[in-house]
C-alpha atoms as a PDB file:
ATOM      1  CA  MET A   1      87.893  96.179 111.377  1.00  0.00           C
ATOM      2  CA  SER A   2      91.098  96.743 109.528  1.00  0.00           C
ATOM      3  CA  ARG A   3      93.564  99.391 110.466  1.00  0.00           C
ATOM      4  CA  LEU A   4      92.889 101.472 107.327  1.00  0.00           C
ATOM      5  CA  ARG A   5      89.050 101.560 107.964  1.00  0.00           C
ATOM      6  CA  ARG A   6      89.737 102.563 111.689  1.00  0.00           C
ATOM      7  CA  GLU A   7      92.087 105.367 110.627  1.00  0.00           C
ATOM      8  CA  ILE A   8      89.592 106.541 107.925  1.00  0.00           C
ATOM      9  CA  LEU A   9      86.844 106.891 110.535  1.00  0.00           C
ATOM     10  CA  HIS A  10      89.288 108.524 112.847  1.00  0.00           C
ATOM     11  CA  SER A  11      90.108 111.119 110.273  1.00  0.00           C
ATOM     12  CA  ALA A  12      86.392 112.159 109.931  1.00  0.00           C
ATOM     13  CA  LEU A  13      85.860 115.861 110.636  1.00  0.00           C
ATOM     14  CA  SER A  14      82.146 115.501 110.987  1.00  0.00           C
ATOM     15  CA  ALA A  15      79.173 113.002 111.140  1.00  0.00           C
ATOM     16  CA  THR A  16      77.505 112.222 107.831  1.00  0.00           C
ATOM     17  CA  HIS A  17      75.356 115.065 106.575  1.00  0.00           C
ATOM     18  CA  PRO A  18      72.171 113.684 104.814  1.00  0.00           C
ATOM     19  CA  GLY A  19      70.404 115.631 102.213  1.00  0.00           C
ATOM     20  CA  ASP A  20      67.615 115.077  99.717  1.00  0.00           C
ATOM     21  CA  GLY A  21      68.645 111.533  98.425  1.00  0.00           C
ATOM     22  CA  ASN A  22      72.331 112.296  98.946  1.00  0.00           C
ATOM     23  CA  SER A  23      74.819 112.491 101.878  1.00  0.00           C
ATOM     24  CA  ARG A  24      78.260 113.879 102.554  1.00  0.00           C
ATOM     25  CA  ARG A  25      81.085 113.557 105.087  1.00  0.00           C
ATOM     26  CA  ALA A  26      84.255 115.721 105.548  1.00  0.00           C
ATOM     27  CA  TYR A  27      87.779 114.266 106.360  1.00  0.00           C
ATOM     28  CA  ARG A  28      91.436 115.472 106.832  1.00  0.00           C
ATOM     29  CA  PHE A  29      94.087 112.860 106.381  1.00  0.00           C
ATOM     30  CA  ASP A  30      97.179 113.981 108.174  1.00  0.00           C
ATOM     31  CA  ASN A  31     100.845 113.078 107.392  1.00  0.00           C
ATOM     32  CA  ALA A  32     100.751 110.181 109.717  1.00  0.00           C
ATOM     33  CA  PHE A  33      97.619 108.552 108.097  1.00  0.00           C
ATOM     34  CA  ILE A  34      98.400 105.019 106.922  1.00  0.00           C
ATOM     35  CA  GLY A  35      96.998 105.506 103.460  1.00  0.00           C
ATOM     36  CA  PHE A  36      99.944 107.765 102.671  1.00  0.00           C
ATOM     37  CA  GLN A  37     102.762 105.231 103.577  1.00  0.00           C
ATOM     38  CA  GLY A  38     104.793 104.305 100.648  1.00  0.00           C
ATOM     39  CA  HIS A  39     102.837 106.434  98.133  1.00  0.00           C
ATOM     40  CA  PHE A  40     105.159 108.198  97.412  1.00  0.00           C
ATOM     41  CA  PRO A  41     108.077 108.752  99.956  1.00  0.00           C
ATOM     42  CA  GLY A  42     108.891 112.442 100.071  1.00  0.00           C
ATOM     43  CA  ASP A  43     105.942 113.274  97.763  1.00  0.00           C
ATOM     44  CA  PRO A  44     102.741 111.699  99.577  1.00  0.00           C
ATOM     45  CA  VAL A  45      99.463 111.501  97.555  1.00  0.00           C
ATOM     46  CA  LEU A  46      96.143 109.764  98.729  1.00  0.00           C
ATOM     47  CA  PRO A  47      95.974 106.627  96.439  1.00  0.00           C
ATOM     48  CA  ALA A  48      92.970 105.978  94.427  1.00  0.00           C
ATOM     49  CA  PHE A  49      92.155 102.815  96.210  1.00  0.00           C
ATOM     50  CA  VAL A  50      92.046 104.464  99.654  1.00  0.00           C
ATOM     51  CA  GLN A  51      89.591 107.090  98.089  1.00  0.00           C
ATOM     52  CA  VAL A  52      87.348 104.173  97.040  1.00  0.00           C
ATOM     53  CA  ILE A  53      87.687 102.499 100.571  1.00  0.00           C
ATOM     54  CA  ALA A  54      86.943 105.871 102.310  1.00  0.00           C
ATOM     55  CA  ALA A  55      83.655 106.220 100.175  1.00  0.00           C
ATOM     56  CA  GLN A  56      82.712 102.638 100.987  1.00  0.00           C
ATOM     57  CA  VAL A  57      83.460 103.239 104.767  1.00  0.00           C
ATOM     58  CA  SER A  58      81.296 106.507 104.657  1.00  0.00           C
ATOM     59  CA  VAL A  59      78.349 104.693 103.215  1.00  0.00           C
ATOM     60  CA  GLU A  60      78.658 101.815 105.508  1.00  0.00           C
ATOM     61  CA  ASP A  61      78.928 104.080 108.669  1.00  0.00           C
ATOM     62  CA  HIS A  62      75.894 106.108 107.472  1.00  0.00           C
ATOM     63  CA  ARG A  63      73.750 102.899 106.931  1.00  0.00           C
ATOM     64  CA  GLY A  64      75.178 101.005 110.073  1.00  0.00           C
ATOM     65  CA  ALA A  65      75.871  98.004 107.888  1.00  0.00           C
ATOM     66  CA  ARG A  66      79.177  96.504 106.457  1.00  0.00           C
ATOM     67  CA  LEU A  67      78.875  96.174 102.757  1.00  0.00           C
ATOM     68  CA  THR A  68      80.854  94.248 100.205  1.00  0.00           C
ATOM     69  CA  LEU A  69      82.528  95.997  97.253  1.00  0.00           C
ATOM     70  CA  ARG A  70      81.194  94.178  94.087  1.00  0.00           C
ATOM     71  CA  LYS A  71      82.135  96.547  91.436  1.00  0.00           C
ATOM     72  CA  LEU A  72      83.681  99.998  90.816  1.00  0.00           C
ATOM     73  CA  ALA A  73      82.487 101.761  87.665  1.00  0.00           C
ATOM     74  CA  ARG A  74      83.218 105.033  85.752  1.00  0.00           C
ATOM     75  CA  ALA A  75      86.137 105.897  87.928  1.00  0.00           C
ATOM     76  CA  ARG A  76      87.840 109.147  87.290  1.00  0.00           C
ATOM     77  CA  PHE A  77      90.824 110.455  89.327  1.00  0.00           C
ATOM     78  CA  SER A  78      91.518 113.943  88.215  1.00  0.00           C
ATOM     79  CA  ARG A  79      93.156 115.778  91.203  1.00  0.00           C
ATOM     80  CA  ILE A  80      95.957 114.773  93.552  1.00  0.00           C
ATOM     81  CA  ILE A  81      94.898 114.823  97.327  1.00  0.00           C
ATOM     82  CA  ARG A  82      97.662 115.643  99.698  1.00  0.00           C
ATOM     83  CA  PRO A  83      98.147 115.389 103.527  1.00  0.00           C
ATOM     84  CA  GLY A  84      96.247 117.955 105.577  1.00  0.00           C
ATOM     85  CA  GLU A  85      93.718 118.850 102.929  1.00  0.00           C
ATOM     86  CA  GLU A  86      90.029 118.868 103.760  1.00  0.00           C
ATOM     87  CA  VAL A  87      88.284 116.239 101.728  1.00  0.00           C
ATOM     88  CA  GLU A  88      84.615 115.913 101.300  1.00  0.00           C
ATOM     89  CA  ILE A  89      83.011 112.719 100.168  1.00  0.00           C
ATOM     90  CA  HIS A  90      79.471 113.302  98.516  1.00  0.00           C
ATOM     91  CA  TRP A  91      77.267 110.271  97.620  1.00  0.00           C
ATOM     92  CA  GLU A  92      73.892 109.573  96.285  1.00  0.00           C
ATOM     93  CA  ALA A  93      72.789 105.988  96.998  1.00  0.00           C
ATOM     94  CA  GLU A  94      70.102 104.011  95.282  1.00  0.00           C
ATOM     95  CA  ASP A  95      68.901 100.864  97.050  1.00  0.00           C
ATOM     96  CA  GLY A  96      68.202  97.570  95.331  1.00  0.00           C
ATOM     97  CA  ALA A  97      67.195  94.203  96.554  1.00  0.00           C
ATOM     98  CA  ALA A  98      70.735  92.842  97.040  1.00  0.00           C
ATOM     99  CA  GLU A  99      72.825  95.846  96.171  1.00  0.00           C
ATOM    100  CA  ILE A 100      73.458  99.551  96.850  1.00  0.00           C
ATOM    101  CA  ARG A 101      74.634 101.697  94.010  1.00  0.00           C
ATOM    102  CA  ALA A 102      76.316 104.728  95.305  1.00  0.00           C
ATOM    103  CA  LYS A 103      77.362 107.618  92.871  1.00  0.00           C
ATOM    104  CA  VAL A 104      80.330 109.258  94.598  1.00  0.00           C
ATOM    105  CA  THR A 105      82.080 112.434  94.164  1.00  0.00           C
ATOM    106  CA  ILE A 106      85.142 113.480  96.189  1.00  0.00           C
ATOM    107  CA  PHE A 107      86.224 117.000  96.603  1.00  0.00           C
ATOM    108  CA  ALA A 108      89.682 118.223  97.942  1.00  0.00           C
ATOM    109  CA  GLY A 109      88.859 121.873  98.932  1.00  0.00           C
ATOM    110  CA  GLU A 110      86.655 123.298  96.319  1.00  0.00           C
ATOM    111  CA  GLU A 111      88.111 121.196  93.566  1.00  0.00           C
ATOM    112  CA  LYS A 112      86.670 117.778  92.314  1.00  0.00           C
ATOM    113  CA  ALA A 113      89.253 115.121  92.825  1.00  0.00           C
ATOM    114  CA  SER A 114      87.463 111.985  91.715  1.00  0.00           C
ATOM    115  CA  SER A 115      84.307 110.395  90.871  1.00  0.00           C
ATOM    116  CA  PHE A 116      82.992 106.803  90.545  1.00  0.00           C
ATOM    117  CA  VAL A 117      80.175 104.450  91.149  1.00  0.00           C
ATOM    118  CA  LEU A 118      80.301 101.828  93.884  1.00  0.00           C
ATOM    119  CA  HIS A 119      78.186  98.739  93.599  1.00  0.00           C
ATOM    120  CA  LEU A 120      77.914  97.445  97.243  1.00  0.00           C
ATOM    121  CA  GLY A 121      76.553  94.132  98.219  1.00  0.00           C
ATOM    122  CA  LYS A 122      74.439  93.975 101.283  1.00  0.00           C
ATOM    123  CA  ARG A 123      75.479  91.897 104.293  1.00  0.00           C
ATOM    124  CA  GLN A 124      75.278  91.781 108.000  1.00  0.00           C
ATOM    125  CA  MET A 125      77.760  93.859 110.023  1.00  0.00           C
ATOM    126  CA  PRO A 126      79.951  91.530 112.062  1.00  0.00           C
END
């Protein structure tokens, strides 16, 4: 498991909360979180790619299976996420034969920060 994935899981504030066909998980990424390194010095923001990986890790951890990111669709990043903010990742997953399609919305506090659709290929967790 990569350092980024380990630190994302370590930043979780709660276990996954399943709902009616959807799930959510809360995180807080502090100043020392690896995802802020170099983005940007003196003015840290959580990069879009880290938001995507955090959503993927959330789905994987909830399902107990490692998945392969095959496609990112309909991505919108509308609010900056800063160190120390509570971040909540919500997703609704649809299972296919070879792929999981997860509609993701990420909130920073009460505000929508991003939304996208992950197409995740199924594979066995190493």
